[in-house]
Amino acid sequence: MTGRRRSRLAGRIVGAAGLTAAVGAIALLGTGYTTATVNGESMDPTYPRGDRVFFERIDADEVRRGDVVLHRTEDRYEGRPALRRVIGTGGDHVRQSPGGPVTVNGRPLTEPYVKDGDPSGAAPAYDVVVPEGRLFLLGDHRANSNDSRFSLSAQSGSVAATTVHARALDNHTGLLLLVLTALFGLLGTAGGLAMEIASQVTRRASRSPHPPAPSGRVR
């Protein structure tokens, strides 16, 4: 195989690999992640108003206690998406006395994220068991959050786990790797295309007829 053919083959391999990587990474970014801007103060100070939050899309069975989730229910918040923290999942016993810590299954939660160190705010005491397939949600700004504490008459204030659309990212490493993969894939595609064009130009130049040599006579 000549050097020109090797260069052309290498260009095609690099371009195809780059295009595959770029398309795959971009598809994952589009389907696996989303972003939203915080419009309220219920999750302050973790996510203050105006903060841009990155989320990973998850299924209902992937939700864990402690997750900050983006959810939407038709009967709350005028059907708009809301950002809240998962305190209890199906079967959990969640309770709180006035001024005391939130307890889950008899164990007090350590909540360094709550605003001003206040885990209760102005909400009344509550003592509930979360129905299966549902979530008990609270905001981090307990004194300024419309959350499960204020809907206790409807399934213990819980929302269906299926209303969760995405989970806030604690670690952006995976997202960054996907962005870099897409970027390098696009660069590889461009590089492979450039190698292919260079090979085509070289091949055409080698096939062009050469001008006749001078006869040695001048006029």
N, C-alpha and C. Protein backbone atom coordinates (compact mmCIF):
# COMPACT_ATOMS: atom_id res chain seq x y z
N MET A 1 0.84 -1.19 0.00
CA MET A 1 0.00 0.00 0.00
C MET A 1 0.88 1.25 0.00
N THR A 2 0.58 2.14 -0.90
CA THR A 2 1.38 3.37 -1.01
C THR A 2 1.09 4.28 0.18
N GLY A 3 2.01 5.25 0.35
CA GLY A 3 1.84 6.21 1.44
C GLY A 3 0.59 7.03 1.28
N ARG A 4 0.23 7.36 0.02
CA ARG A 4 -0.97 8.15 -0.22
C ARG A 4 -2.23 7.38 0.18
N ARG A 5 -2.27 6.07 -0.15
CA ARG A 5 -3.42 5.26 0.22
C ARG A 5 -3.51 5.07 1.73
N ARG A 6 -2.38 4.90 2.37
CA ARG A 6 -2.37 4.77 3.83
C ARG A 6 -2.91 6.04 4.48
N SER A 7 -2.51 7.20 3.95
CA SER A 7 -2.98 8.46 4.49
C SER A 7 -4.48 8.61 4.32
N ARG A 8 -4.98 8.21 3.13
CA ARG A 8 -6.42 8.30 2.88
C ARG A 8 -7.19 7.37 3.80
N LEU A 9 -6.69 6.15 4.00
CA LEU A 9 -7.35 5.19 4.87
C LEU A 9 -7.35 5.68 6.32
N ALA A 10 -6.21 6.23 6.75
CA ALA A 10 -6.12 6.75 8.12
C ALA A 10 -7.10 7.89 8.33
N GLY A 11 -7.22 8.75 7.32
CA GLY A 11 -8.16 9.86 7.42
C GLY A 11 -9.59 9.38 7.56
N ARG A 12 -9.96 8.36 6.79
CA ARG A 12 -11.32 7.83 6.87
C ARG A 12 -11.58 7.18 8.23
N ILE A 13 -10.59 6.46 8.76
CA ILE A 13 -10.76 5.82 10.06
C ILE A 13 -10.91 6.87 11.16
N VAL A 14 -10.02 7.88 11.14
CA VAL A 14 -10.09 8.94 12.14
C VAL A 14 -11.42 9.69 12.05
N GLY A 15 -11.85 10.01 10.84
CA GLY A 15 -13.11 10.73 10.66
C GLY A 15 -14.31 9.93 11.13
N ALA A 16 -14.34 8.64 10.77
CA ALA A 16 -15.47 7.80 11.17
C ALA A 16 -15.53 7.62 12.69
N ALA A 17 -14.35 7.41 13.30
CA ALA A 17 -14.31 7.25 14.76
C ALA A 17 -14.73 8.55 15.45
N GLY A 18 -14.25 9.67 14.94
CA GLY A 18 -14.62 10.96 15.53
C GLY A 18 -16.10 11.24 15.42
N LEU A 19 -16.67 10.93 14.24
CA LEU A 19 -18.09 11.18 14.03
C LEU A 19 -18.94 10.29 14.94
N THR A 20 -18.54 9.03 15.09
CA THR A 20 -19.28 8.12 15.97
C THR A 20 -19.25 8.60 17.40
N ALA A 21 -18.07 9.02 17.87
CA ALA A 21 -17.94 9.51 19.25
C ALA A 21 -18.76 10.77 19.46
N ALA A 22 -18.70 11.69 18.51
CA ALA A 22 -19.42 12.95 18.64
C ALA A 22 -20.92 12.74 18.66
N VAL A 23 -21.42 11.93 17.73
CA VAL A 23 -22.87 11.68 17.66
C VAL A 23 -23.35 10.99 18.93
N GLY A 24 -22.60 9.99 19.40
CA GLY A 24 -22.99 9.28 20.62
C GLY A 24 -23.01 10.18 21.84
N ALA A 25 -21.98 11.00 22.00
CA ALA A 25 -21.90 11.89 23.16
C ALA A 25 -22.99 12.95 23.12
N ILE A 26 -23.23 13.52 21.95
CA ILE A 26 -24.27 14.55 21.82
C ILE A 26 -25.64 13.95 22.09
N ALA A 27 -25.87 12.73 21.62
CA ALA A 27 -27.16 12.07 21.88
C ALA A 27 -27.36 11.84 23.37
N LEU A 28 -26.31 11.41 24.07
CA LEU A 28 -26.41 11.19 25.51
C LEU A 28 -26.63 12.49 26.26
N LEU A 29 -25.97 13.55 25.81
CA LEU A 29 -26.16 14.85 26.45
C LEU A 29 -27.61 15.32 26.28
N GLY A 30 -28.16 15.09 25.10
CA GLY A 30 -29.52 15.55 24.83
C GLY A 30 -30.59 14.76 25.55
N THR A 31 -30.37 13.45 25.70
CA THR A 31 -31.39 12.60 26.31
C THR A 31 -31.15 12.33 27.79
N GLY A 32 -29.93 12.45 28.25
CA GLY A 32 -29.61 12.08 29.63
C GLY A 32 -29.48 13.23 30.60
N TYR A 33 -29.39 14.45 30.09
CA TYR A 33 -29.18 15.60 30.96
C TYR A 33 -30.08 16.76 30.56
N THR A 34 -30.29 17.65 31.52
CA THR A 34 -31.06 18.86 31.25
C THR A 34 -30.61 19.94 32.23
N THR A 35 -31.06 21.16 32.02
CA THR A 35 -30.72 22.26 32.93
C THR A 35 -31.99 23.06 33.25
N ALA A 36 -31.95 23.78 34.34
CA ALA A 36 -33.07 24.65 34.72
C ALA A 36 -32.54 25.77 35.60
N THR A 37 -33.24 26.89 35.58
CA THR A 37 -32.88 28.04 36.40
C THR A 37 -33.82 28.11 37.60
N VAL A 38 -33.26 28.30 38.78
CA VAL A 38 -34.05 28.38 40.01
C VAL A 38 -34.78 29.72 40.06
N ASN A 39 -36.10 29.67 40.22
CA ASN A 39 -36.90 30.89 40.24
C ASN A 39 -37.42 31.25 41.62
N GLY A 40 -37.26 30.37 42.61
CA GLY A 40 -37.75 30.64 43.95
C GLY A 40 -36.66 30.53 44.99
N GLU A 41 -37.06 30.59 46.26
CA GLU A 41 -36.10 30.57 47.36
C GLU A 41 -36.23 29.34 48.25
N SER A 42 -37.05 28.38 47.84
CA SER A 42 -37.31 27.23 48.70
C SER A 42 -36.08 26.33 48.88
N MET A 43 -35.13 26.36 47.94
CA MET A 43 -33.93 25.52 48.06
C MET A 43 -32.69 26.34 48.43
N ASP A 44 -32.89 27.58 48.84
CA ASP A 44 -31.79 28.40 49.33
C ASP A 44 -31.31 27.84 50.68
N PRO A 45 -30.03 27.75 50.98
CA PRO A 45 -28.89 28.29 50.24
C PRO A 45 -28.23 27.32 49.27
N THR A 46 -28.73 26.08 49.19
CA THR A 46 -28.09 25.10 48.31
C THR A 46 -28.17 25.54 46.86
N TYR A 47 -29.38 25.96 46.45
CA TYR A 47 -29.60 26.45 45.08
C TYR A 47 -30.37 27.77 45.17
N PRO A 48 -29.67 28.90 45.25
CA PRO A 48 -30.34 30.19 45.38
C PRO A 48 -31.05 30.62 44.10
N ARG A 49 -31.92 31.59 44.24
CA ARG A 49 -32.65 32.12 43.09
C ARG A 49 -31.67 32.57 42.00
N GLY A 50 -31.97 32.23 40.76
CA GLY A 50 -31.12 32.60 39.63
C GLY A 50 -30.03 31.61 39.32
N ASP A 51 -29.83 30.61 40.19
CA ASP A 51 -28.79 29.60 39.96
C ASP A 51 -29.17 28.71 38.79
N ARG A 52 -28.19 28.38 37.96
CA ARG A 52 -28.40 27.44 36.85
C ARG A 52 -27.97 26.06 37.30
N VAL A 53 -28.91 25.11 37.30
CA VAL A 53 -28.65 23.79 37.85
C VAL A 53 -28.62 22.76 36.72
N PHE A 54 -27.64 21.86 36.77
CA PHE A 54 -27.55 20.76 35.82
C PHE A 54 -28.17 19.51 36.45
N PHE A 55 -28.94 18.79 35.65
CA PHE A 55 -29.65 17.60 36.13
C PHE A 55 -29.33 16.41 35.23
N GLU A 56 -29.42 15.22 35.85
CA GLU A 56 -29.40 13.99 35.07
C GLU A 56 -30.80 13.39 35.10
N ARG A 57 -31.29 12.96 33.95
CA ARG A 57 -32.63 12.37 33.89
C ARG A 57 -32.59 10.98 34.53
N ILE A 58 -33.58 10.69 35.36
CA ILE A 58 -33.62 9.40 36.04
C ILE A 58 -35.04 8.84 36.01
N ASP A 59 -35.14 7.54 36.26
CA ASP A 59 -36.44 6.88 36.38
C ASP A 59 -36.88 6.90 37.85
N ALA A 60 -38.14 6.60 38.08
CA ALA A 60 -38.69 6.65 39.43
C ALA A 60 -37.94 5.72 40.40
N ASP A 61 -37.51 4.56 39.92
CA ASP A 61 -36.85 3.61 40.82
C ASP A 61 -35.41 3.97 41.13
N GLU A 62 -34.91 5.06 40.56
CA GLU A 62 -33.54 5.50 40.82
C GLU A 62 -33.46 6.60 41.89
N VAL A 63 -34.61 7.09 42.34
CA VAL A 63 -34.62 8.18 43.33
C VAL A 63 -34.17 7.66 44.68
N ARG A 64 -33.30 8.43 45.35
CA ARG A 64 -32.78 8.05 46.66
C ARG A 64 -33.06 9.14 47.68
N ARG A 65 -33.06 8.78 48.96
CA ARG A 65 -33.14 9.79 50.01
C ARG A 65 -31.97 10.75 49.90
N GLY A 66 -32.25 12.02 50.09
CA GLY A 66 -31.19 13.03 50.00
C GLY A 66 -31.04 13.64 48.63
N ASP A 67 -31.60 13.01 47.61
CA ASP A 67 -31.53 13.58 46.25
C ASP A 67 -32.31 14.89 46.19
N VAL A 68 -31.78 15.83 45.43
CA VAL A 68 -32.54 17.03 45.09
C VAL A 68 -33.11 16.79 43.70
N VAL A 69 -34.43 16.78 43.61
CA VAL A 69 -35.08 16.36 42.36
C VAL A 69 -35.94 17.46 41.76
N LEU A 70 -36.06 17.40 40.45
CA LEU A 70 -36.96 18.27 39.71
C LEU A 70 -38.21 17.45 39.41
N HIS A 71 -39.34 17.89 39.95
CA HIS A 71 -40.57 17.13 39.75
C HIS A 71 -41.71 18.07 39.35
N ARG A 72 -42.72 17.48 38.78
CA ARG A 72 -43.89 18.26 38.35
C ARG A 72 -45.16 17.47 38.66
N THR A 73 -46.08 18.11 39.38
CA THR A 73 -47.38 17.53 39.66
C THR A 73 -48.45 18.52 39.25
N GLU A 74 -49.54 18.00 38.71
CA GLU A 74 -50.60 18.87 38.19
C GLU A 74 -51.33 19.63 39.28
N ASP A 75 -51.38 19.07 40.50
CA ASP A 75 -52.17 19.68 41.57
C ASP A 75 -51.35 20.56 42.51
N ARG A 76 -50.08 20.79 42.18
CA ARG A 76 -49.25 21.65 43.03
C ARG A 76 -48.44 22.62 42.18
N TYR A 77 -48.18 23.78 42.75
CA TYR A 77 -47.34 24.80 42.10
C TYR A 77 -47.86 25.17 40.71
N GLU A 78 -49.18 25.11 40.54
CA GLU A 78 -49.82 25.46 39.26
C GLU A 78 -49.28 24.63 38.11
N GLY A 79 -48.88 23.40 38.42
CA GLY A 79 -48.39 22.49 37.39
C GLY A 79 -46.98 22.78 36.92
N ARG A 80 -46.30 23.72 37.57
CA ARG A 80 -44.94 24.06 37.16
C ARG A 80 -43.93 23.14 37.85
N PRO A 81 -42.76 22.91 37.25
CA PRO A 81 -41.75 22.06 37.89
C PRO A 81 -41.22 22.70 39.17
N ALA A 82 -40.91 21.88 40.14
CA ALA A 82 -40.40 22.36 41.43
C ALA A 82 -39.15 21.58 41.82
N LEU A 83 -38.29 22.25 42.57
CA LEU A 83 -37.03 21.66 43.03
C LEU A 83 -37.15 21.41 44.53
N ARG A 84 -37.03 20.15 44.96
CA ARG A 84 -37.15 19.80 46.37
C ARG A 84 -36.19 18.66 46.71
N ARG A 85 -35.97 18.49 48.00
CA ARG A 85 -35.08 17.41 48.47
C ARG A 85 -35.92 16.22 48.95
N VAL A 86 -35.49 15.03 48.58
CA VAL A 86 -36.18 13.81 48.99
C VAL A 86 -35.78 13.48 50.44
N ILE A 87 -36.77 13.50 51.33
CA ILE A 87 -36.54 13.18 52.73
C ILE A 87 -36.93 11.73 53.03
N GLY A 88 -38.04 11.30 52.45
CA GLY A 88 -38.48 9.93 52.67
C GLY A 88 -38.98 9.29 51.39
N THR A 89 -38.79 7.99 51.28
CA THR A 89 -39.30 7.22 50.14
C THR A 89 -40.36 6.24 50.66
N GLY A 90 -40.95 5.44 49.78
CA GLY A 90 -42.03 4.55 50.14
C GLY A 90 -41.73 3.68 51.36
N GLY A 91 -42.61 3.73 52.37
CA GLY A 91 -42.46 2.93 53.58
C GLY A 91 -41.74 3.64 54.71
N ASP A 92 -41.11 4.78 54.45
CA ASP A 92 -40.38 5.51 55.49
C ASP A 92 -41.34 6.20 56.47
N HIS A 93 -40.96 6.20 57.73
CA HIS A 93 -41.71 6.90 58.78
C HIS A 93 -40.99 8.23 59.03
N VAL A 94 -41.64 9.32 58.65
CA VAL A 94 -41.05 10.65 58.76
C VAL A 94 -41.83 11.46 59.79
N ARG A 95 -41.12 12.06 60.73
CA ARG A 95 -41.81 12.87 61.73
C ARG A 95 -40.91 14.04 62.17
N GLN A 96 -41.56 15.03 62.77
CA GLN A 96 -40.83 16.17 63.32
C GLN A 96 -41.68 16.86 64.38
N SER A 97 -41.04 17.13 65.51
CA SER A 97 -41.67 17.91 66.56
C SER A 97 -41.31 19.37 66.37
N PRO A 98 -42.09 20.30 66.88
CA PRO A 98 -41.78 21.73 66.70
C PRO A 98 -40.36 22.06 67.18
N GLY A 99 -39.58 22.63 66.29
CA GLY A 99 -38.22 23.03 66.64
C GLY A 99 -37.21 21.91 66.67
N GLY A 100 -37.64 20.68 66.51
CA GLY A 100 -36.73 19.56 66.57
C GLY A 100 -36.25 19.12 65.20
N PRO A 101 -35.35 18.15 65.16
CA PRO A 101 -34.86 17.66 63.86
C PRO A 101 -35.88 16.77 63.17
N VAL A 102 -35.75 16.65 61.88
CA VAL A 102 -36.55 15.69 61.13
C VAL A 102 -35.99 14.29 61.42
N THR A 103 -36.87 13.35 61.68
CA THR A 103 -36.42 11.97 61.87
C THR A 103 -37.02 11.08 60.79
N VAL A 104 -36.23 10.12 60.34
CA VAL A 104 -36.68 9.14 59.36
C VAL A 104 -36.43 7.76 59.95
N ASN A 105 -37.52 7.02 60.13
CA ASN A 105 -37.46 5.69 60.74
C ASN A 105 -36.78 5.74 62.11
N GLY A 106 -37.09 6.80 62.85
CA GLY A 106 -36.59 6.95 64.22
C GLY A 106 -35.22 7.57 64.35
N ARG A 107 -34.56 7.85 63.24
CA ARG A 107 -33.20 8.42 63.30
C ARG A 107 -33.23 9.88 62.87
N PRO A 108 -32.69 10.77 63.72
CA PRO A 108 -32.67 12.19 63.34
C PRO A 108 -31.72 12.43 62.17
N LEU A 109 -32.15 13.27 61.24
CA LEU A 109 -31.32 13.60 60.09
C LEU A 109 -30.31 14.69 60.45
N THR A 110 -29.12 14.55 59.93
CA THR A 110 -28.13 15.62 59.99
C THR A 110 -28.28 16.42 58.71
N GLU A 111 -28.68 17.69 58.84
CA GLU A 111 -29.00 18.48 57.66
C GLU A 111 -28.20 19.79 57.62
N PRO A 112 -26.93 19.69 57.25
CA PRO A 112 -26.10 20.91 57.19
C PRO A 112 -26.52 21.87 56.10
N TYR A 113 -27.37 21.41 55.18
CA TYR A 113 -27.77 22.22 54.03
C TYR A 113 -28.92 23.16 54.32
N VAL A 114 -29.65 22.99 55.43
CA VAL A 114 -30.82 23.84 55.67
C VAL A 114 -30.40 25.27 55.98
N LYS A 115 -31.21 26.21 55.54
CA LYS A 115 -30.90 27.62 55.73
C LYS A 115 -30.95 28.00 57.21
N ASP A 116 -29.92 28.71 57.64
CA ASP A 116 -29.80 29.21 59.02
C ASP A 116 -29.82 28.09 60.05
N GLY A 117 -29.55 26.87 59.63
CA GLY A 117 -29.53 25.75 60.56
C GLY A 117 -30.89 25.40 61.14
N ASP A 118 -31.96 25.86 60.47
CA ASP A 118 -33.31 25.65 60.97
C ASP A 118 -33.99 24.53 60.19
N PRO A 119 -34.17 23.34 60.80
CA PRO A 119 -34.76 22.22 60.06
C PRO A 119 -36.29 22.21 60.04
N SER A 120 -36.93 23.14 60.76
CA SER A 120 -38.38 23.07 60.86
C SER A 120 -39.10 24.27 60.26
N GLY A 121 -38.56 25.48 60.41
CA GLY A 121 -39.27 26.65 59.93
C GLY A 121 -40.53 26.87 60.75
N ALA A 122 -41.59 27.34 60.11
CA ALA A 122 -42.84 27.63 60.82
C ALA A 122 -43.87 26.53 60.66
N ALA A 123 -43.50 25.40 60.11
CA ALA A 123 -44.47 24.34 59.84
C ALA A 123 -44.91 23.66 61.14
N PRO A 124 -46.12 23.13 61.17
CA PRO A 124 -46.58 22.39 62.35
C PRO A 124 -45.90 21.03 62.44
N ALA A 125 -46.05 20.40 63.58
CA ALA A 125 -45.50 19.05 63.74
C ALA A 125 -46.21 18.08 62.80
N TYR A 126 -45.51 17.03 62.42
CA TYR A 126 -46.12 16.02 61.56
C TYR A 126 -45.52 14.65 61.88
N ASP A 127 -46.25 13.63 61.55
CA ASP A 127 -45.84 12.26 61.81
C ASP A 127 -46.54 11.39 60.76
N VAL A 128 -45.80 10.99 59.72
CA VAL A 128 -46.42 10.30 58.59
C VAL A 128 -45.61 9.08 58.17
N VAL A 129 -46.28 8.18 57.48
CA VAL A 129 -45.61 7.07 56.80
C VAL A 129 -45.82 7.28 55.31
N VAL A 130 -44.73 7.31 54.56
CA VAL A 130 -44.79 7.59 53.12
C VAL A 130 -45.35 6.38 52.39
N PRO A 131 -46.42 6.55 51.60
CA PRO A 131 -46.97 5.41 50.84
C PRO A 131 -45.95 4.86 49.84
N GLU A 132 -46.08 3.61 49.52
CA GLU A 132 -45.19 2.98 48.55
C GLU A 132 -45.29 3.69 47.20
N GLY A 133 -44.15 3.85 46.54
CA GLY A 133 -44.11 4.48 45.23
C GLY A 133 -44.21 5.99 45.29
N ARG A 134 -44.10 6.55 46.51
CA ARG A 134 -44.23 8.00 46.64
C ARG A 134 -43.06 8.57 47.43
N LEU A 135 -42.95 9.91 47.45
CA LEU A 135 -41.81 10.60 48.05
C LEU A 135 -42.28 11.73 48.96
N PHE A 136 -41.61 11.89 50.09
CA PHE A 136 -41.85 13.02 50.99
C PHE A 136 -40.75 14.03 50.73
N LEU A 137 -41.14 15.24 50.30
CA LEU A 137 -40.18 16.24 49.83
C LEU A 137 -40.20 17.49 50.69
N LEU A 138 -39.02 18.03 50.97
CA LEU A 138 -38.90 19.29 51.70
C LEU A 138 -37.93 20.21 50.97
N GLY A 139 -38.12 21.52 51.16
CA GLY A 139 -37.15 22.48 50.67
C GLY A 139 -36.06 22.70 51.70
N ASP A 140 -34.93 23.21 51.28
CA ASP A 140 -33.83 23.48 52.22
C ASP A 140 -34.05 24.75 53.02
N HIS A 141 -34.88 25.65 52.51
CA HIS A 141 -35.24 26.85 53.26
C HIS A 141 -36.59 26.57 53.93
N ARG A 142 -36.55 25.91 55.06
CA ARG A 142 -37.75 25.38 55.67
C ARG A 142 -38.76 26.47 56.06
N ALA A 143 -38.26 27.68 56.32
CA ALA A 143 -39.17 28.76 56.69
C ALA A 143 -39.83 29.40 55.48
N ASN A 144 -39.42 29.00 54.28
CA ASN A 144 -39.98 29.62 53.07
C ASN A 144 -40.11 28.59 51.96
N SER A 145 -40.73 27.47 52.27
CA SER A 145 -40.87 26.40 51.28
C SER A 145 -42.25 25.76 51.37
N ASN A 146 -42.96 25.77 50.26
CA ASN A 146 -44.24 25.07 50.17
C ASN A 146 -43.94 23.64 49.73
N ASP A 147 -43.99 22.72 50.67
CA ASP A 147 -43.57 21.35 50.37
C ASP A 147 -44.53 20.35 51.00
N SER A 148 -44.07 19.12 51.23
CA SER A 148 -44.95 18.05 51.70
C SER A 148 -45.60 18.36 53.04
N ARG A 149 -45.01 19.21 53.85
CA ARG A 149 -45.57 19.52 55.17
C ARG A 149 -46.93 20.19 55.09
N PHE A 150 -47.20 20.84 53.95
CA PHE A 150 -48.42 21.61 53.83
C PHE A 150 -49.50 20.92 52.99
N SER A 151 -49.29 19.62 52.74
CA SER A 151 -50.29 18.84 51.99
C SER A 151 -50.48 17.48 52.66
N LEU A 152 -50.41 17.44 53.97
CA LEU A 152 -50.41 16.17 54.70
C LEU A 152 -51.70 15.39 54.52
N SER A 153 -52.80 16.07 54.20
CA SER A 153 -54.08 15.36 54.05
C SER A 153 -54.15 14.56 52.75
N ALA A 154 -53.24 14.82 51.83
CA ALA A 154 -53.23 14.12 50.54
C ALA A 154 -52.05 13.16 50.50
N GLN A 155 -52.33 11.89 50.85
CA GLN A 155 -51.30 10.85 50.82
C GLN A 155 -50.06 11.25 51.63
N SER A 156 -50.31 11.76 52.83
CA SER A 156 -49.25 12.15 53.77
C SER A 156 -48.32 13.21 53.20
N GLY A 157 -48.86 14.02 52.29
CA GLY A 157 -48.06 15.10 51.71
C GLY A 157 -47.12 14.66 50.62
N SER A 158 -47.14 13.38 50.28
CA SER A 158 -46.17 12.83 49.34
C SER A 158 -46.58 13.09 47.90
N VAL A 159 -45.62 12.89 47.01
CA VAL A 159 -45.88 12.95 45.57
C VAL A 159 -45.43 11.63 44.96
N ALA A 160 -46.02 11.27 43.84
CA ALA A 160 -45.63 10.03 43.16
C ALA A 160 -44.19 10.12 42.67
N ALA A 161 -43.45 9.03 42.85
CA ALA A 161 -42.06 9.01 42.38
C ALA A 161 -41.98 9.21 40.87
N THR A 162 -43.05 8.85 40.17
CA THR A 162 -43.06 9.00 38.71
C THR A 162 -43.15 10.45 38.27
N THR A 163 -43.41 11.38 39.20
CA THR A 163 -43.44 12.80 38.83
C THR A 163 -42.04 13.39 38.74
N VAL A 164 -41.04 12.64 39.17
CA VAL A 164 -39.65 13.12 39.12
C VAL A 164 -39.12 13.01 37.69
N HIS A 165 -38.58 14.12 37.21
CA HIS A 165 -38.01 14.14 35.86
C HIS A 165 -36.48 14.00 35.87
N ALA A 166 -35.84 14.55 36.91
CA ALA A 166 -34.38 14.56 36.89
C ALA A 166 -33.86 14.81 38.31
N ARG A 167 -32.56 14.52 38.49
CA ARG A 167 -31.88 14.70 39.77
C ARG A 167 -30.73 15.68 39.60
N ALA A 168 -30.61 16.62 40.54
CA ALA A 168 -29.52 17.59 40.48
C ALA A 168 -28.18 16.87 40.58
N LEU A 169 -27.23 17.31 39.78
CA LEU A 169 -25.91 16.68 39.75
C LEU A 169 -25.05 17.17 40.90
N ASP A 170 -24.58 16.23 41.74
CA ASP A 170 -23.62 16.57 42.77
C ASP A 170 -22.19 16.57 42.20
N ASN A 171 -21.99 15.71 41.22
CA ASN A 171 -20.68 15.56 40.60
C ASN A 171 -20.83 15.74 39.09
N HIS A 172 -20.08 16.69 38.54
CA HIS A 172 -20.21 17.01 37.12
C HIS A 172 -19.20 16.27 36.25
N THR A 173 -18.48 15.29 36.83
CA THR A 173 -17.43 14.61 36.07
C THR A 173 -17.98 13.92 34.83
N GLY A 174 -19.08 13.16 34.99
CA GLY A 174 -19.65 12.45 33.86
C GLY A 174 -20.10 13.39 32.76
N LEU A 175 -20.73 14.49 33.16
CA LEU A 175 -21.19 15.48 32.18
C LEU A 175 -20.00 16.10 31.45
N LEU A 176 -18.93 16.42 32.19
CA LEU A 176 -17.75 17.01 31.58
C LEU A 176 -17.09 16.04 30.60
N LEU A 177 -17.05 14.76 30.96
CA LEU A 177 -16.45 13.77 30.06
C LEU A 177 -17.24 13.65 28.76
N LEU A 178 -18.57 13.73 28.86
CA LEU A 178 -19.38 13.68 27.65
C LEU A 178 -19.14 14.89 26.76
N VAL A 179 -19.04 16.07 27.37
CA VAL A 179 -18.77 17.29 26.60
C VAL A 179 -17.41 17.19 25.91
N LEU A 180 -16.40 16.71 26.63
CA LEU A 180 -15.07 16.57 26.04
C LEU A 180 -15.07 15.52 24.93
N THR A 181 -15.81 14.43 25.13
CA THR A 181 -15.90 13.40 24.09
C THR A 181 -16.53 13.97 22.82
N ALA A 182 -17.60 14.75 23.00
CA ALA A 182 -18.24 15.37 21.84
C ALA A 182 -17.28 16.33 21.14
N LEU A 183 -16.54 17.12 21.93
CA LEU A 183 -15.60 18.08 21.35
C LEU A 183 -14.49 17.39 20.59
N PHE A 184 -13.86 16.39 21.22
CA PHE A 184 -12.77 15.69 20.54
C PHE A 184 -13.29 14.88 19.35
N GLY A 185 -14.52 14.39 19.46
CA GLY A 185 -15.10 13.68 18.33
C GLY A 185 -15.27 14.59 17.13
N LEU A 186 -15.74 15.81 17.37
CA LEU A 186 -15.89 16.78 16.28
C LEU A 186 -14.53 17.16 15.69
N LEU A 187 -13.55 17.32 16.58
CA LEU A 187 -12.20 17.63 16.08
C LEU A 187 -11.65 16.46 15.26
N GLY A 188 -11.90 15.23 15.71
CA GLY A 188 -11.45 14.07 14.95
C GLY A 188 -12.12 13.98 13.60
N THR A 189 -13.42 14.29 13.56
CA THR A 189 -14.15 14.30 12.29
C THR A 189 -13.56 15.31 11.33
N ALA A 190 -13.29 16.52 11.85
CA ALA A 190 -12.70 17.57 11.02
C ALA A 190 -11.31 17.17 10.54
N GLY A 191 -10.52 16.56 11.46
CA GLY A 191 -9.17 16.13 11.08
C GLY A 191 -9.19 15.05 10.01
N GLY A 192 -10.10 14.08 10.16
CA GLY A 192 -10.21 13.02 9.16
C GLY A 192 -10.63 13.57 7.81
N LEU A 193 -11.56 14.54 7.82
CA LEU A 193 -12.00 15.15 6.57
C LEU A 193 -10.86 15.91 5.91
N ALA A 194 -10.07 16.61 6.72
CA ALA A 194 -8.93 17.35 6.18
C ALA A 194 -7.91 16.40 5.54
N MET A 195 -7.68 15.25 6.21
CA MET A 195 -6.74 14.26 5.65
C MET A 195 -7.27 13.69 4.34
N GLU A 196 -8.56 13.45 4.25
CA GLU A 196 -9.16 12.92 3.03
C GLU A 196 -9.04 13.93 1.89
N ILE A 197 -9.31 15.21 2.19
CA ILE A 197 -9.21 16.25 1.16
C ILE A 197 -7.77 16.38 0.67
N ALA A 198 -6.83 16.37 1.62
CA ALA A 198 -5.42 16.48 1.25
C ALA A 198 -5.00 15.32 0.37
N SER A 199 -5.51 14.11 0.68
CA SER A 199 -5.17 12.94 -0.12
C SER A 199 -5.74 13.06 -1.53
N GLN A 200 -6.98 13.56 -1.64
CA GLN A 200 -7.61 13.74 -2.96
C GLN A 200 -6.84 14.77 -3.79
N VAL A 201 -6.43 15.85 -3.16
CA VAL A 201 -5.68 16.88 -3.88
C VAL A 201 -4.36 16.34 -4.39
N THR A 202 -3.68 15.58 -3.52
CA THR A 202 -2.40 15.00 -3.91
C THR A 202 -2.57 14.02 -5.06
N ARG A 203 -3.64 13.20 -5.03
CA ARG A 203 -3.86 12.23 -6.10
C ARG A 203 -4.16 12.91 -7.43
N ARG A 204 -4.96 13.96 -7.38
CA ARG A 204 -5.27 14.68 -8.62
C ARG A 204 -4.04 15.36 -9.19
N ALA A 205 -3.21 15.89 -8.30
CA ALA A 205 -1.99 16.55 -8.77
C ALA A 205 -1.05 15.56 -9.44
N SER A 206 -1.01 14.32 -8.90
CA SER A 206 -0.11 13.32 -9.48
C SER A 206 -0.59 12.83 -10.84
N ARG A 207 -1.90 12.97 -11.11
CA ARG A 207 -2.46 12.51 -12.39
C ARG A 207 -2.46 13.61 -13.45
N SER A 208 -2.19 14.85 -13.08
CA SER A 208 -2.21 15.95 -14.05
C SER A 208 -1.06 15.80 -15.04
N PRO A 209 -1.32 16.02 -16.36
CA PRO A 209 -0.24 15.91 -17.36
C PRO A 209 0.81 16.99 -17.13
N HIS A 210 2.09 16.59 -17.28
CA HIS A 210 3.18 17.55 -17.11
C HIS A 210 3.39 18.32 -18.41
N PRO A 211 3.70 19.58 -18.35
CA PRO A 211 3.97 20.35 -19.57
C PRO A 211 5.20 19.82 -20.29
N PRO A 212 5.24 19.90 -21.66
CA PRO A 212 6.39 19.39 -22.41
C PRO A 212 7.68 20.12 -22.03
N ALA A 213 8.75 19.38 -22.03
CA ALA A 213 10.06 19.99 -21.71
C ALA A 213 10.47 20.94 -22.82
N PRO A 214 11.18 22.02 -22.52
CA PRO A 214 11.65 22.96 -23.54
C PRO A 214 12.55 22.26 -24.54
N SER A 215 12.44 22.65 -25.84
CA SER A 215 13.22 22.03 -26.93
C SER A 215 14.65 22.56 -26.98
N GLY A 216 14.93 23.61 -26.27
CA GLY A 216 16.27 24.19 -26.34
C GLY A 216 16.37 25.32 -27.35
N ARG A 217 15.35 25.54 -28.18
CA ARG A 217 15.37 26.63 -29.18
C ARG A 217 14.60 27.82 -28.65
N VAL A 218 15.10 28.96 -28.93
CA VAL A 218 14.42 30.20 -28.53
C VAL A 218 14.29 31.09 -29.75
N ARG A 219 13.31 31.94 -29.69
CA ARG A 219 13.14 32.87 -30.78
C ARG A 219 13.13 34.30 -30.22
